Amino acid sequence: MNDRTPAPVLEIDGLGIRLPDARAARPILDGVSLHVRPGETVGLVGESGSGKSVACRSVLGLLPAGASASGAVRVGGRDVLTMNRAELAALRTRRVSMVFQDPRACVNPLRRVGDFLTEGLRAAGVPAARATARAEELLDAVGIRDPRGALRRHPHQFSGGMLQRVVIAAALAGEPDLIVADEPTTALDVTTQAEIISILTRLRAERGTGLLFVTHDLELASAICDRVYVMYAGRIVETRGTDELFDRPRHPYTAGLLACTPRIEAGAPAPRPIPGRPVSLAEAPPGCAFAARCAHALPRCSAETPVLAQHGGGYAACHRADEGITL
């Protein structure tokens, strides 16, 4: 790292998360490493069950019940996995904020939006009048009309897209160094998705906030992310800059995700689904976890687990990464 490269706001280093053997045959996460720098948007993509949400929740110290963890999750140089309850509360209030997939699942339907937005500020010692004024500023920043009136409304009086804006405003209240967005647009229509992405991108640029963006939509990741990590069965199988990843994927799973993404360009090929199904937690196949679904698999793929090694400008965990993948 040179002197001009800012230190990462988030460093996940060799993170492993395992449930008791009676509940899972393999780790939920197996040696996951990634980093996010200030002002950078980093994508974490993969099918449902790949471990994306568990990875991002670990940044807040939210681990599955009964799970054991190894490795490190550092925010601003501090390891989240070693923090006590008070330190985790401070982390979640000031350093890291999370935007969840379903905004209605994280907002109390019985409380007014103003109470939801000002609660953290008042807990941090901000006077009530200043907290209310700050909440109005945040609602205005995310495009809520009549922010003062919005503070008096309940969550059911907002559409899904408007309520997601409220949740983003709450995430910004503590001026965090990092925002973790766990599929924040999945439940929204296409137009509202674009508006939410525009808000997140603009606020990241204005405030220099790091953004870890979790999604299963590679087309969306290609539009907003500087770098992308691809997850499968709890492991990072490929990572590189967005342009290189989409122009020349080195892992067959990445290529498969790209091939099954619908495209609207004239003459674009029809989407081709990835055959088979993802590996469940009840399965621990030897070798590469993707081998059973891979058209490029060799006999060694079912016996020898590939390591994440440098190929070109990024890394891939594939025995054939240097041969080129045909979409």
Protein backbone atom coordinates (compact mmCIF):
# COMPACT_ATOMS: atom_id res chain seq x y z
CA MET A 1 0.00 0.00 0.00
CA ASN A 2 1.45 3.39 -0.95
CA ASP A 3 1.07 6.57 1.05
CA ARG A 4 -1.73 7.85 -1.18
CA THR A 5 -3.90 4.75 -0.87
CA PRO A 6 -6.44 5.21 1.92
CA ALA A 7 -6.61 2.48 4.52
CA PRO A 8 -9.63 0.19 4.13
CA VAL A 9 -12.65 1.09 6.20
CA LEU A 10 -13.52 -2.62 6.20
CA GLU A 11 -11.19 -5.64 6.14
CA ILE A 12 -12.56 -9.16 6.35
CA ASP A 13 -9.59 -11.50 6.71
CA GLY A 14 -9.98 -15.28 6.49
CA LEU A 15 -13.46 -15.23 8.03
CA GLY A 16 -14.86 -18.64 8.84
CA ILE A 17 -18.29 -19.18 10.40
CA ARG A 18 -19.39 -22.66 11.35
CA LEU A 19 -22.50 -24.09 12.99
CA PRO A 20 -22.33 -27.17 15.22
CA ASP A 21 -21.71 -30.36 13.21
CA ALA A 22 -25.24 -31.59 13.85
CA ARG A 23 -26.64 -28.53 12.03
CA ALA A 24 -24.27 -28.20 9.07
CA ALA A 25 -21.80 -30.39 7.22
CA ARG A 26 -19.68 -27.48 5.98
CA PRO A 27 -18.90 -23.93 7.14
CA ILE A 28 -21.38 -21.18 6.29
CA LEU A 29 -18.33 -19.07 5.43
CA ASP A 30 -14.96 -20.61 4.65
CA GLY A 31 -11.91 -18.32 4.62
CA VAL A 32 -13.68 -15.25 3.22
CA SER A 33 -11.47 -12.19 2.71
CA LEU A 34 -12.47 -8.82 1.24
CA HIS A 35 -11.92 -5.11 1.80
CA VAL A 36 -13.68 -1.81 1.15
CA ARG A 37 -11.92 1.56 0.98
CA PRO A 38 -13.46 4.98 1.71
CA GLY A 39 -15.61 6.21 -1.18
CA GLU A 40 -15.55 2.79 -2.87
CA THR A 41 -18.49 0.58 -3.82
CA VAL A 42 -17.69 -3.12 -3.58
CA GLY A 43 -20.14 -5.76 -4.79
CA LEU A 44 -20.73 -9.14 -3.16
CA VAL A 45 -22.70 -11.36 -5.55
CA GLY A 46 -23.93 -14.93 -5.75
CA GLU A 47 -27.04 -17.08 -5.63
CA SER A 48 -29.25 -17.36 -2.56
CA GLY A 49 -27.54 -19.50 0.06
CA SER A 50 -24.01 -18.58 -1.00
CA GLY A 51 -23.29 -16.80 2.31
CA LYS A 52 -23.58 -13.16 1.20
CA SER A 53 -25.95 -12.03 3.94
CA VAL A 54 -24.04 -13.86 6.68
CA ALA A 55 -20.84 -12.17 5.54
CA CYS A 56 -22.32 -8.69 5.59
CA ARG A 57 -24.10 -9.16 8.92
CA SER A 58 -20.80 -10.24 10.46
CA VAL A 59 -19.59 -6.67 9.91
CA LEU A 60 -22.05 -5.64 12.63
CA GLY A 61 -21.16 -8.59 14.84
CA LEU A 62 -24.45 -10.33 14.02
CA LEU A 63 -23.62 -14.04 13.83
CA PRO A 64 -26.06 -16.98 13.56
CA ALA A 65 -27.14 -18.46 16.87
CA GLY A 66 -24.68 -21.09 18.07
CA ALA A 67 -22.09 -20.23 15.43
CA SER A 68 -18.34 -20.13 16.04
CA ALA A 69 -16.16 -17.68 14.13
CA SER A 70 -12.51 -17.56 13.11
CA GLY A 71 -10.46 -14.96 11.26
CA ALA A 72 -11.04 -11.23 11.65
CA VAL A 73 -13.54 -8.55 10.68
CA ARG A 74 -11.85 -5.18 11.09
CA VAL A 75 -13.67 -1.85 10.87
CA GLY A 76 -11.33 1.11 11.12
CA GLY A 77 -8.63 -1.30 12.30
CA ARG A 78 -10.70 -2.77 15.18
CA ASP A 79 -11.74 -6.42 15.12
CA VAL A 80 -15.52 -6.66 15.42
CA LEU A 81 -15.33 -10.30 16.52
CA THR A 82 -13.51 -9.31 19.74
CA MET A 83 -15.79 -6.38 20.69
CA ASN A 84 -17.91 -6.41 23.82
CA ARG A 85 -21.57 -5.39 23.87
CA ALA A 86 -20.91 -1.69 24.49
CA GLU A 87 -18.32 -1.53 21.73
CA LEU A 88 -20.70 -3.24 19.29
CA ALA A 89 -23.42 -0.73 20.16
CA ALA A 90 -21.04 2.15 19.41
CA LEU A 91 -19.98 0.48 16.15
CA ARG A 92 -23.59 0.14 14.98
CA THR A 93 -24.43 3.69 15.98
CA ARG A 94 -21.45 5.57 14.59
CA ARG A 95 -19.19 3.51 12.31
CA VAL A 96 -21.32 1.09 10.29
CA SER A 97 -24.93 1.23 9.12
CA MET A 98 -26.94 -1.43 7.36
CA VAL A 99 -29.74 -1.15 4.80
CA PHE A 100 -31.77 -4.34 4.70
CA GLN A 101 -33.69 -5.92 1.82
CA ASP A 102 -37.16 -5.36 3.31
CA PRO A 103 -37.54 -1.95 4.95
CA ARG A 104 -40.77 -2.96 6.69
CA ALA A 105 -38.94 -5.69 8.57
CA CYS A 106 -36.62 -3.22 10.32
CA VAL A 107 -39.05 -0.40 11.18
CA ASN A 108 -41.49 -0.62 14.10
CA PRO A 109 -44.94 -0.20 12.50
CA LEU A 110 -46.38 1.31 15.69
CA ARG A 111 -43.92 4.21 15.92
CA ARG A 112 -43.75 7.36 13.86
CA VAL A 113 -40.93 7.77 11.38
CA GLY A 114 -39.60 10.74 13.34
CA ASP A 115 -39.10 8.54 16.42
CA PHE A 116 -37.30 5.94 14.30
CA LEU A 117 -34.93 8.52 12.79
CA THR A 118 -34.12 10.44 15.95
CA GLU A 119 -33.76 7.53 18.38
CA GLY A 120 -30.08 6.93 17.68
CA LEU A 121 -29.25 10.62 17.65
CA ARG A 122 -30.93 11.21 21.01
CA ALA A 123 -29.20 8.15 22.48
CA ALA A 124 -25.89 9.74 21.41
CA GLY A 125 -26.76 12.88 23.40
CA VAL A 126 -28.06 15.11 20.61
CA PRO A 127 -30.75 17.50 21.94
CA ALA A 128 -34.29 16.68 20.79
CA ALA A 129 -34.72 19.84 18.67
CA ARG A 130 -31.39 19.30 16.90
CA ALA A 131 -32.16 15.61 16.36
CA THR A 132 -35.48 16.52 14.72
CA ALA A 133 -33.84 19.12 12.50
CA ARG A 134 -31.18 16.56 11.51
CA ALA A 135 -33.89 14.00 10.66
CA GLU A 136 -35.57 16.55 8.38
CA GLU A 137 -32.24 17.20 6.63
CA LEU A 138 -31.72 13.48 6.07
CA LEU A 139 -35.21 12.94 4.65
CA ASP A 140 -34.68 15.86 2.30
CA ALA A 141 -31.32 14.40 1.22
CA VAL A 142 -32.93 11.10 0.18
CA GLY A 143 -35.73 12.81 -1.75
CA ILE A 144 -38.67 12.69 0.66
CA ARG A 145 -41.08 15.53 -0.06
CA ASP A 146 -42.37 17.48 2.94
CA PRO A 147 -39.81 15.96 5.34
CA ARG A 148 -41.35 17.72 8.34
CA GLY A 149 -44.72 16.14 7.63
CA ALA A 150 -43.09 12.78 6.97
CA LEU A 151 -41.68 12.71 10.50
CA ARG A 152 -45.26 12.54 11.84
CA ARG A 153 -46.33 9.64 9.64
CA HIS A 154 -46.26 5.91 10.38
CA PRO A 155 -44.46 3.35 8.18
CA HIS A 156 -47.68 2.02 6.63
CA GLN A 157 -48.30 5.47 5.15
CA PHE A 158 -45.22 5.11 2.88
CA SER A 159 -44.77 3.05 -0.26
CA GLY A 160 -42.00 0.44 -0.27
CA GLY A 161 -39.68 2.74 -2.20
CA MET A 162 -40.33 5.73 0.05
CA LEU A 163 -39.85 3.63 3.18
CA GLN A 164 -36.53 2.35 1.83
CA ARG A 165 -35.49 6.01 1.48
CA VAL A 166 -36.40 6.49 5.14
CA VAL A 167 -34.23 3.50 6.09
CA ILE A 168 -31.33 4.93 4.07
CA ALA A 169 -31.80 8.26 5.86
CA ALA A 170 -31.59 6.41 9.19
CA ALA A 171 -28.43 4.67 8.02
CA LEU A 172 -26.84 8.05 7.34
CA ALA A 173 -27.84 9.60 10.67
CA GLY A 174 -24.63 8.66 12.44
CA GLU A 175 -22.46 9.69 9.46
CA PRO A 176 -20.99 6.17 9.19
CA ASP A 177 -17.71 5.26 7.55
CA LEU A 178 -19.34 2.22 5.94
CA ILE A 179 -22.82 1.33 4.68
CA VAL A 180 -23.67 -2.33 4.17
CA ALA A 181 -26.59 -2.68 1.74
CA ASP A 182 -28.05 -6.20 1.75
CA GLU A 183 -30.04 -6.44 -1.51
CA PRO A 184 -31.76 -3.11 -0.79
CA THR A 185 -33.67 -2.98 -4.11
CA THR A 186 -34.93 -6.56 -4.48
CA ALA A 187 -38.49 -5.87 -3.33
CA LEU A 188 -38.86 -2.70 -5.43
CA ASP A 189 -40.03 -2.02 -8.98
CA VAL A 190 -37.44 -1.18 -11.62
CA THR A 191 -38.00 2.59 -11.57
CA THR A 192 -37.76 2.76 -7.79
CA GLN A 193 -34.68 0.53 -7.87
CA ALA A 194 -32.95 3.05 -10.11
CA GLU A 195 -33.88 5.91 -7.77
CA ILE A 196 -32.55 4.09 -4.69
CA ILE A 197 -29.29 3.20 -6.44
CA SER A 198 -28.90 6.81 -7.56
CA ILE A 199 -29.35 8.00 -3.97
CA LEU A 200 -26.79 5.54 -2.58
CA THR A 201 -24.28 6.39 -5.31
CA ARG A 202 -24.67 10.13 -4.83
CA LEU A 203 -24.42 9.99 -1.05
CA ARG A 204 -21.36 7.76 -1.23
CA ALA A 205 -19.65 10.24 -3.56
CA GLU A 206 -20.63 13.28 -1.47
CA ARG A 207 -19.65 11.82 1.90
CA GLY A 208 -16.77 9.49 0.97
CA THR A 209 -18.57 6.59 2.62
CA GLY A 210 -17.54 3.04 1.76
CA LEU A 211 -20.38 0.89 0.41
CA LEU A 212 -20.57 -2.91 0.52
CA PHE A 213 -23.39 -3.77 -1.88
CA VAL A 214 -24.82 -7.28 -1.65
CA THR A 215 -26.86 -8.53 -4.60
CA HIS A 216 -27.63 -11.52 -6.79
CA ASP A 217 -28.04 -9.20 -9.80
CA LEU A 218 -24.79 -8.98 -11.77
CA GLU A 219 -26.22 -6.39 -14.15
CA LEU A 220 -26.87 -4.10 -11.20
CA ALA A 221 -23.43 -4.79 -9.74
CA SER A 222 -21.80 -3.90 -13.06
CA ALA A 223 -23.53 -0.51 -13.06
CA ILE A 224 -22.48 0.70 -9.61
CA CYS A 225 -19.53 -1.31 -8.26
CA ASP A 226 -15.82 -0.55 -8.53
CA ARG A 227 -14.86 -4.13 -7.66
CA VAL A 228 -16.84 -7.34 -7.26
CA TYR A 229 -16.45 -10.47 -5.13
CA VAL A 230 -18.28 -13.59 -6.33
CA MET A 231 -19.36 -16.08 -3.64
CA TYR A 232 -20.32 -19.74 -3.95
CA ALA A 233 -20.96 -22.22 -1.11
CA GLY A 234 -19.43 -19.90 1.48
CA ARG A 235 -16.22 -19.13 -0.40
CA ILE A 236 -14.97 -16.30 -2.59
CA VAL A 237 -14.45 -17.94 -5.99
CA GLU A 238 -13.49 -14.84 -7.97
CA THR A 239 -12.72 -11.16 -7.43
CA ARG A 240 -11.47 -8.39 -9.71
CA GLY A 241 -12.33 -4.94 -11.02
CA THR A 242 -15.83 -4.72 -12.44
CA ASP A 243 -14.85 -4.12 -16.07
CA GLU A 244 -12.44 -7.07 -16.20
CA LEU A 245 -14.82 -9.36 -14.35
CA PHE A 246 -17.61 -8.78 -16.86
CA ASP A 247 -15.38 -8.71 -19.94
CA ARG A 248 -13.41 -11.85 -19.08
CA PRO A 249 -14.63 -13.95 -16.15
CA ARG A 250 -12.09 -16.52 -14.99
CA HIS A 251 -14.43 -18.77 -12.97
CA PRO A 252 -17.19 -20.86 -14.61
CA TYR A 253 -19.63 -19.83 -11.88
CA THR A 254 -19.13 -16.15 -12.69
CA ALA A 255 -19.58 -16.95 -16.37
CA GLY A 256 -22.75 -18.88 -15.55
CA LEU A 257 -24.21 -15.97 -13.59
CA LEU A 258 -23.50 -13.68 -16.55
CA ALA A 259 -25.01 -16.11 -19.04
CA CYS A 260 -28.29 -16.38 -17.12
CA THR A 261 -28.73 -12.60 -16.86
CA PRO A 262 -31.46 -11.33 -19.25
CA ARG A 263 -30.26 -8.69 -21.72
CA ILE A 264 -32.31 -6.20 -23.74
CA GLU A 265 -29.80 -5.49 -26.52
CA ALA A 266 -30.85 -6.42 -30.05
CA GLY A 267 -29.57 -9.88 -30.96
CA ALA A 268 -28.61 -10.71 -27.37
CA PRO A 269 -28.72 -14.46 -26.64
CA ALA A 270 -31.49 -15.85 -24.47
CA PRO A 271 -30.59 -16.39 -20.81
CA ARG A 272 -29.13 -19.81 -20.03
CA PRO A 273 -29.69 -21.07 -16.48
CA ILE A 274 -26.88 -22.70 -14.53
CA PRO A 275 -27.66 -26.44 -14.38
CA GLY A 276 -28.20 -28.17 -11.06
CA ARG A 277 -28.64 -26.46 -7.73
CA PRO A 278 -26.43 -24.74 -5.16
CA VAL A 279 -24.71 -26.84 -2.49
CA SER A 280 -26.69 -26.91 0.76
CA LEU A 281 -25.22 -26.70 4.26
CA ALA A 282 -26.00 -30.39 4.65
CA GLU A 283 -23.52 -31.23 1.88
CA ALA A 284 -19.73 -31.09 1.95
CA PRO A 285 -18.54 -32.37 -1.43
CA PRO A 286 -14.79 -32.91 -1.88
CA GLY A 287 -12.87 -30.72 -4.29
CA CYS A 288 -14.54 -27.73 -5.93
CA ALA A 289 -18.09 -27.19 -4.67
CA PHE A 290 -19.16 -26.05 -8.14
CA ALA A 291 -17.76 -29.11 -9.97
CA ALA A 292 -21.09 -30.98 -10.22
CA ARG A 293 -22.65 -28.02 -12.09
CA CYS A 294 -19.62 -27.05 -14.17
CA ALA A 295 -19.34 -27.81 -17.90
CA HIS A 296 -15.55 -27.27 -17.69
CA ALA A 297 -14.87 -29.64 -14.77
CA LEU A 298 -11.93 -32.06 -14.88
CA PRO A 299 -11.52 -35.20 -12.74
CA ARG A 300 -9.19 -33.27 -10.39
CA CYS A 301 -11.97 -30.72 -9.75
CA SER A 302 -13.96 -33.31 -7.78
CA ALA A 303 -10.96 -34.27 -5.68
CA GLU A 304 -8.81 -31.15 -5.20
CA THR A 305 -10.16 -27.87 -3.81
CA PRO A 306 -8.80 -24.96 -5.88
CA VAL A 307 -7.19 -22.10 -3.99
CA LEU A 308 -7.98 -18.46 -4.64
CA ALA A 309 -4.93 -17.43 -6.69
CA GLN A 310 -4.02 -14.42 -8.82
CA HIS A 311 -5.02 -14.59 -12.47
CA GLY A 312 -4.71 -11.41 -14.53
CA GLY A 313 -5.81 -8.37 -12.55
CA GLY A 314 -7.77 -10.35 -9.99
CA TYR A 315 -8.13 -13.69 -8.24
CA ALA A 316 -10.01 -16.89 -9.05
CA ALA A 317 -10.39 -20.27 -7.37
CA CYS A 318 -10.45 -22.51 -10.43
CA HIS A 319 -8.04 -25.11 -11.80
CA ARG A 320 -8.69 -23.82 -15.34
CA ALA A 321 -8.75 -20.08 -14.65
CA ASP A 322 -5.99 -19.31 -17.17
CA GLU A 323 -7.68 -21.15 -20.05
CA GLY A 324 -10.52 -18.69 -20.62
CA ILE A 325 -14.20 -19.34 -19.99
CA THR A 326 -16.75 -19.52 -22.82
CA LEU A 327 -20.06 -17.85 -22.00
